[in-house]
Structure formats: C-alpha cells, structure tokens
Protein backbone atom coordinates (compact mmCIF):
# COMPACT_ATOMS: atom_id res chain seq x y z
CA UNK A 1 -0.92 26.65 -30.60
CA UNK A 2 -4.65 26.26 -31.20
CA UNK A 3 -6.90 23.66 -29.57
CA UNK A 4 -7.16 21.93 -32.93
CA UNK A 5 -3.38 21.64 -33.17
CA UNK A 6 -2.82 20.46 -29.60
CA UNK A 7 -4.57 17.11 -29.54
CA UNK A 8 -2.05 15.36 -27.35
CA UNK A 9 0.77 12.89 -27.93
CA UNK A 10 2.12 9.83 -26.23
CA UNK A 11 5.76 8.85 -25.72
CA UNK A 12 6.66 5.27 -24.88
CA UNK A 13 9.64 2.95 -24.49
CA UNK A 14 10.38 -0.21 -26.49
CA UNK A 15 13.04 -2.30 -24.76
CA UNK A 16 13.42 -4.87 -27.52
CA UNK A 17 14.16 -2.21 -30.11
CA UNK A 18 15.93 0.13 -27.71
CA UNK A 19 13.65 2.97 -28.85
CA UNK A 20 11.71 5.98 -27.68
CA UNK A 21 8.61 6.33 -29.82
CA UNK A 22 6.05 9.13 -30.05
CA UNK A 23 2.62 9.03 -31.66
CA UNK A 24 -0.59 11.00 -31.74
CA UNK A 25 -2.96 10.17 -28.91
CA UNK A 26 -5.11 8.13 -31.30
CA UNK A 27 -2.09 5.99 -32.18
CA UNK A 28 -1.54 7.47 -35.60
CA UNK A 29 1.89 8.27 -37.02
CA UNK A 30 4.15 6.38 -34.58
CA UNK A 31 7.64 7.79 -35.00
CA UNK A 32 10.91 6.64 -33.48
CA UNK A 33 12.65 9.73 -32.13
CA UNK A 34 15.55 8.01 -30.42
CA UNK A 35 17.21 4.62 -30.92
CA UNK A 36 20.19 2.93 -29.35
CA UNK A 37 18.57 2.72 -25.89
CA UNK A 38 20.03 -0.71 -25.21
CA UNK A 39 20.29 -0.60 -21.43
CA UNK A 40 16.64 -1.59 -20.85
CA UNK A 41 14.72 1.70 -20.59
CA UNK A 42 11.76 1.50 -18.22
CA UNK A 43 10.37 4.81 -16.90
CA UNK A 44 9.68 7.94 -18.93
CA UNK A 45 8.53 11.45 -18.00
CA UNK A 46 8.17 14.77 -19.84
CA UNK A 47 9.03 18.37 -19.04
CA UNK A 48 7.15 20.00 -21.90
CA UNK A 49 7.95 23.60 -20.96
CA UNK A 50 11.68 22.88 -21.06
CA UNK A 51 11.33 20.57 -24.06
CA UNK A 52 12.82 17.53 -22.35
CA UNK A 53 12.24 13.78 -22.06
CA UNK A 54 13.70 11.92 -19.08
CA UNK A 55 13.98 8.14 -18.89
CA UNK A 56 15.48 5.46 -16.69
CA UNK A 57 17.76 2.63 -17.80
CA UNK A 58 17.62 -0.52 -15.69
CA UNK A 59 21.08 -1.56 -16.88
CA UNK A 60 22.43 -4.61 -18.68
CA UNK A 61 22.25 -7.04 -15.74
CA UNK A 62 19.81 -6.70 -12.88
CA UNK A 63 22.35 -8.03 -10.35
CA UNK A 64 24.83 -5.28 -11.19
CA UNK A 65 24.82 -1.69 -10.01
CA UNK A 66 24.71 -0.17 -13.51
CA UNK A 67 21.42 1.73 -13.75
CA UNK A 68 21.25 5.30 -15.05
CA UNK A 69 18.92 8.16 -16.00
CA UNK A 70 19.13 10.12 -19.26
CA UNK A 71 17.56 13.18 -20.86
CA UNK A 72 16.95 14.32 -24.43
CA UNK A 73 14.96 16.95 -26.26
CA UNK A 74 11.40 16.13 -27.26
CA UNK A 75 12.60 15.38 -30.78
CA UNK A 76 15.28 13.01 -29.48
CA UNK A 77 18.19 15.41 -29.89
CA UNK A 78 20.81 16.47 -27.35
CA UNK A 79 20.88 13.17 -25.51
CA UNK A 80 22.81 13.30 -22.24
CA UNK A 81 23.31 11.30 -19.05
CA UNK A 82 21.79 12.84 -15.93
CA UNK A 83 22.44 10.14 -13.33
CA UNK A 84 25.45 8.04 -14.40
CA UNK A 85 25.74 4.27 -14.18
CA UNK A 86 25.99 3.24 -10.55
CA UNK A 87 24.17 6.33 -9.33
CA UNK A 88 21.16 4.03 -9.04
CA UNK A 89 20.97 0.23 -9.20
CA UNK A 90 17.88 -0.69 -11.28
CA UNK A 91 15.74 2.44 -11.77
CA UNK A 92 12.14 1.79 -12.76
CA UNK A 93 9.26 4.28 -12.98
CA UNK A 94 10.13 7.98 -13.01
CA UNK A 95 8.12 11.08 -12.07
CA UNK A 96 8.94 14.79 -12.26
CA UNK A 97 8.24 17.53 -9.73
CA UNK A 98 8.62 20.33 -12.26
CA UNK A 99 8.11 23.38 -9.98
CA UNK A 100 10.79 22.11 -7.59
CA UNK A 101 12.96 20.66 -10.38
CA UNK A 102 13.21 17.20 -8.84
CA UNK A 103 13.30 13.70 -10.36
CA UNK A 104 11.72 10.90 -8.32
CA UNK A 105 12.13 7.22 -9.13
CA UNK A 106 12.00 3.71 -7.67
CA UNK A 107 15.16 1.61 -7.64
CA UNK A 108 14.11 -2.04 -7.82
CA UNK A 109 17.13 -4.18 -6.91
CA UNK A 110 18.51 -1.18 -5.07
CA UNK A 111 15.45 -1.48 -2.81
CA UNK A 112 15.06 2.28 -2.64
CA UNK A 113 12.89 5.26 -3.45
CA UNK A 114 15.17 8.04 -4.70
CA UNK A 115 15.30 11.56 -6.05
CA UNK A 116 17.74 14.05 -7.55
CA UNK A 117 17.78 17.51 -9.07
CA UNK A 118 16.97 17.80 -12.77
CA UNK A 119 20.69 18.06 -13.55
CA UNK A 120 21.42 14.86 -11.62
CA UNK A 121 22.97 16.58 -8.63
CA UNK A 122 22.04 15.88 -5.00
CA UNK A 123 21.02 12.22 -5.38
CA UNK A 124 19.07 11.22 -2.27
CA UNK A 125 17.56 8.03 -0.88
CA UNK A 126 14.13 8.67 0.65
CA UNK A 127 13.12 5.10 1.48
CA UNK A 128 15.33 2.02 1.80
CA UNK A 129 13.69 -1.38 2.26
CA UNK A 130 16.85 -3.50 2.34
CA UNK A 131 20.58 -3.47 1.75
CA UNK A 132 23.07 -5.98 0.37
CA UNK A 133 22.87 -9.22 -1.58
CA UNK A 134 20.82 -11.17 0.94
CA UNK A 135 18.10 -8.52 1.10
CA UNK A 136 18.19 -8.15 -2.69
CA UNK A 137 17.06 -11.75 -3.07
CA UNK A 138 13.86 -10.96 -1.13
CA UNK A 139 11.61 -9.86 -3.99
CA UNK A 140 9.01 -8.11 -1.76
CA UNK A 141 11.75 -5.59 -0.93
CA UNK A 142 11.85 -4.35 -4.53
CA UNK A 143 10.43 -0.86 -5.18
CA UNK A 144 8.90 -0.47 -8.65
CA UNK A 145 6.29 2.19 -9.40
CA UNK A 146 6.08 5.73 -8.06
CA UNK A 147 3.70 8.70 -7.98
CA UNK A 148 4.03 12.03 -6.22
CA UNK A 149 1.67 14.65 -4.78
CA UNK A 150 3.90 17.72 -4.34
CA UNK A 151 1.04 19.93 -3.17
CA UNK A 152 0.50 17.76 -0.11
CA UNK A 153 4.11 16.59 0.17
CA UNK A 154 3.37 12.91 -0.37
CA UNK A 155 4.94 10.12 -2.40
CA UNK A 156 3.47 6.73 -3.26
CA UNK A 157 5.26 3.59 -4.41
CA UNK A 158 4.68 -0.07 -5.21
CA UNK A 159 6.51 -3.18 -4.04
CA UNK A 160 5.19 -5.88 -6.33
CA UNK A 161 6.47 -9.04 -4.63
CA UNK A 162 6.99 -12.34 -6.41
CA UNK A 163 5.31 -13.40 -9.64
CA UNK A 164 1.65 -14.24 -8.97
CA UNK A 165 2.41 -14.43 -5.26
CA UNK A 166 -0.25 -11.97 -4.08
CA UNK A 167 2.44 -10.06 -2.18
CA UNK A 168 1.98 -6.72 -3.92
CA UNK A 169 1.77 -3.60 -1.76
CA UNK A 170 1.35 0.15 -2.15
CA UNK A 171 2.85 2.54 0.38
CA UNK A 172 2.75 6.27 1.16
CA UNK A 173 5.18 8.58 2.95
CA UNK A 174 6.20 12.23 3.01
CA UNK A 175 8.47 13.76 0.40
CA UNK A 176 10.99 14.48 3.14
CA UNK A 177 12.57 12.06 5.58
CA UNK A 178 11.35 13.09 9.05
CA UNK A 179 13.92 14.99 11.05
CA UNK A 180 16.18 12.73 13.06
CA UNK A 181 15.12 9.63 11.08
CA UNK A 182 16.70 7.69 8.22
CA UNK A 183 15.41 6.13 4.97
CA UNK A 184 15.52 2.70 6.65
CA UNK A 185 13.57 3.68 9.78
CA UNK A 186 10.94 6.21 8.77
CA UNK A 187 7.99 6.49 11.12
CA UNK A 188 5.70 8.08 8.53
CA UNK A 189 5.47 5.14 6.09
CA UNK A 190 1.88 3.98 5.63
CA UNK A 191 0.80 0.71 4.04
CA UNK A 192 -2.24 1.60 1.91
CA UNK A 193 -2.94 -1.74 0.17
CA UNK A 194 -1.56 -5.25 0.36
CA UNK A 195 -2.17 -8.71 -1.11
CA UNK A 196 -2.30 -7.23 -4.63
CA UNK A 197 -1.30 -9.37 -7.66
CA UNK A 198 1.78 -7.44 -8.85
CA UNK A 199 1.35 -3.63 -8.78
CA UNK A 200 3.71 -1.96 -11.24
CA UNK A 201 3.36 1.67 -12.41
CA UNK A 202 1.40 4.40 -10.64
CA UNK A 203 -0.19 7.69 -11.62
CA UNK A 204 -2.05 10.17 -9.45
CA UNK A 205 -4.97 12.46 -10.27
CA UNK A 206 -4.62 15.19 -7.66
CA UNK A 207 -7.88 16.87 -8.68
CA UNK A 208 -9.99 13.86 -7.69
CA UNK A 209 -7.53 12.32 -5.19
CA UNK A 210 -7.48 9.07 -7.19
CA UNK A 211 -4.43 6.84 -7.37
CA UNK A 212 -4.25 4.56 -10.43
CA UNK A 213 -1.97 1.55 -11.01
CA UNK A 214 -1.23 -1.26 -13.41
CA UNK A 215 -1.07 -4.80 -12.07
CA UNK A 216 0.71 -7.74 -13.64
CA UNK A 217 -0.09 -11.28 -12.60
CA UNK A 218 -2.75 -13.76 -13.53
CA UNK A 219 -6.52 -13.14 -13.76
CA UNK A 220 -9.01 -12.46 -12.31
CA UNK A 221 -7.37 -9.36 -10.81
CA UNK A 222 -3.99 -9.38 -12.55
CA UNK A 223 -3.05 -7.76 -15.86
CA UNK A 224 -5.33 -4.91 -14.98
CA UNK A 225 -5.71 -1.28 -14.00
CA UNK A 226 -7.17 -0.36 -10.63
CA UNK A 227 -7.71 2.86 -8.75
CA UNK A 228 -8.51 4.01 -5.23
CA UNK A 229 -9.52 7.26 -3.57
CA UNK A 230 -6.67 8.55 -1.43
CA UNK A 231 -7.32 11.17 1.21
CA UNK A 232 -4.61 13.57 2.26
CA UNK A 233 -4.46 12.16 5.78
CA UNK A 234 -5.98 9.22 7.57
CA UNK A 235 -6.79 5.70 6.41
CA UNK A 236 -8.11 4.73 3.00
CA UNK A 237 -11.88 4.45 3.39
CA UNK A 238 -12.73 2.28 0.40
CA UNK A 239 -11.07 -0.75 -1.19
CA UNK A 240 -9.47 -0.46 -4.63
CA UNK A 241 -11.74 -0.45 -7.66
CA UNK A 242 -10.77 -2.88 -10.44
CA UNK A 243 -11.34 -0.90 -13.64
CA UNK A 244 -10.22 -3.00 -16.61
CA UNK A 245 -8.50 -6.34 -17.23
CA UNK A 246 -7.12 -8.55 -20.02
CA UNK A 247 -3.84 -6.85 -20.77
CA UNK A 248 -0.75 -8.88 -21.61
CA UNK A 249 1.80 -8.04 -18.91
CA UNK A 250 0.54 -4.51 -18.13
CA UNK A 251 3.35 -2.07 -17.34
CA UNK A 252 3.16 1.61 -18.32
CA UNK A 253 0.39 3.99 -17.28
CA UNK A 254 -0.27 7.65 -18.12
CA UNK A 255 -3.31 9.77 -17.30
CA UNK A 256 -4.85 12.49 -19.44
CA UNK A 257 -7.11 13.95 -16.76
CA UNK A 258 -8.28 16.82 -18.94
CA UNK A 259 -9.29 14.40 -21.70
CA UNK A 260 -10.79 11.93 -19.18
CA UNK A 261 -8.72 9.05 -20.51
CA UNK A 262 -5.65 7.00 -19.77
CA UNK A 263 -3.05 5.07 -21.71
CA UNK A 264 -1.52 1.68 -20.87
CA UNK A 265 1.35 -0.28 -22.42
CA UNK A 266 2.08 -3.97 -22.10
CA UNK A 267 5.15 -6.08 -22.68
CA UNK A 268 3.68 -7.76 -25.75
CA UNK A 269 3.85 -4.47 -27.67
CA UNK A 270 0.40 -2.92 -27.46
CA UNK A 271 -0.69 0.57 -26.44
CA UNK A 272 -4.26 1.00 -25.19
CA UNK A 273 -6.53 3.97 -24.60
CA UNK A 274 -9.60 3.97 -22.35
CA UNK A 275 -11.68 6.22 -20.15
CA UNK A 276 -10.55 7.00 -16.62
CA UNK A 277 -13.24 4.61 -15.41
CA UNK A 278 -11.86 1.82 -17.59
CA UNK A 279 -14.59 2.08 -20.20
CA UNK A 280 -14.09 1.95 -23.97
CA UNK A 281 -10.75 0.15 -23.82
CA UNK A 282 -9.27 -0.16 -27.29
CA UNK A 283 -5.90 -0.86 -28.84
CA UNK A 284 -4.38 2.14 -30.56
CA UNK A 285 -1.05 0.51 -31.45
CA UNK A 286 0.06 -3.13 -31.66
CA UNK A 287 3.23 -5.09 -32.39
CA UNK A 288 5.49 -2.25 -31.28
CA UNK A 289 8.07 -4.47 -29.56
CA UNK A 290 8.26 -4.99 -25.80
CA UNK A 291 6.86 -1.89 -24.13
CA UNK A 292 7.48 -0.45 -20.68
CA UNK A 293 6.89 3.19 -19.65
CA UNK A 294 4.54 5.69 -21.27
CA UNK A 295 3.93 9.44 -20.87
CA UNK A 296 1.31 11.81 -22.25
CA UNK A 297 1.43 15.52 -23.04
CA UNK A 298 -0.44 18.10 -25.08
CA UNK A 299 1.78 18.84 -28.06
CA UNK A 300 1.19 19.59 -31.74
CA UNK A 301 0.04 16.59 -33.75
CA UNK A 302 2.51 14.77 -35.95
C-alpha cells in the first residue's frame, strides 16, 4: 500500500441510526458498513492488523445490566458478540492493548474500569468506585472515558459527575491491581484533575506524554477539547490546556499523531478535524445522526 493510497480513515458510531460509518479522513465518501446496532453503541476501537472493529453497547436501559461488546471485520462482516449482555453494565469508551491482546473499557453505571481478552475471556474489574443501586445513583461514581499507556503500565479514566456540576475528574492507576489489594481499595489511584466540566473520552499520545480529552458541559470551558502533559511518575506539573471549544455535546476523540491532527464527534451529528493544538478546527461531516465514539487508522481510501 503506497503513501498515496493510505491517507487514513475514520470510523464512528451513530446511535440514532444504529450504524457504524467509515469515511476518508477528509470526510469524503461516508459509508455505512454496519447497521442494526440498536443497543446504543458508544466506544469504538480498531485492530487494523487483524482486520477487526470492536465496539461497546450501553444497552437498552441504563438501569439494567445489559451492556455488551461486539466485534466485526473492517468491512462490517462477521459480526459477533465478544462480551455478552450482563458481562458489563453500561460500557462506554473502549481501548485496545494490541500486543497483549486486551480490551479495556469504562463501565458507567457499573462504576468500574474493566478489561478482558480479545475473545472476551477473563473479564476483570480493575477499579470499582461503587456497588449497588444506592451507589449507582451517585453520578460522580460513574466511569466514562479511558486511555492506556501499556509501555509504562498505566491507565487513565474519567468520572464526569453531574451535568454542568463541575464535578469532573481524571484519575490514573496501574494496569494491574496491586498485590493484596482489591479494585475497591487500590492504593495506587491518583487524582490528576478535578473540578472539570464533564470529561468524557480520552486519548493518549505516548510520544509527547500528552493526555487529551473531550468535555461536555456549558461554556466557557465545556464542549471542548483539552490536554495536559502527563509524566510517568510524580504529580502533574502544569494545569490542563484548553485547546478548542464550541462543540455541541462533544463525545468521541481520536488522535492521528503522525498526521498532527485529531478528530472529534458530537451528539448533534458532526465530525470535526483540527490540529493537535486545536488550530484549524473545521467540520468534515454534518447531520450524521447522534454520534458517540470515533477511531482513526491508516487504511486505503474509499
């Protein structure tokens, strides 16, 4: 595949249409590759080498334990369930550790950070912020977005808090529960940022040690993308940098580090492209439904 052929493609989820859509990175030729995703798909991730798309389904009702994770080929074929309904409560953002063949995701109403093998076996809870119906009603307990740094054995996640409540937080912990400890009582959990509008999805640029996230909520800092420099150990030395604002319910986030750009989706149906510093924001697709997760990969153009 030549450089001219591999210009990059995006894959994103439309919950109103129950679709997985792919398009060229400039937004041209949007194509529905899978329909019938009616259980509220939210997080999406790609294993290009294996030719697979993974996505989470939040389920039909957020107060029921009916979330699941599915997989299909990059063209939408060979759809199959990886984590069956009830294996996770309300799975949100999803990330892949391809070398170690692990899926990582946040379980919102389940109040957990979880992982499993690529085939859905060995489902594990890594962090648990609450348990039972009473704790489930405490919105700050909900885990939403996730990013991983396998090289340094770290995971990051968001707990967005209530709508426009300024309760949003971002945490960090190791990929493994410390020996002798449990997901509910880990001693290695670090609070990196708090009092954020509503942090949703995360992505991590390991080369520059920059953590990016979307934020819902009202202006001036909501409906935005921010980033912060994250060192391997020790406290964060600088506050987050607000990069770009004026989205409409910002949700999905995907970095193209090589191309020095990122992609964002919002619930009103738009897909945006901009530089990694937030510059040159422009809409590449509009009126696509109600959009959640997005992923990027270098693949042949459509």
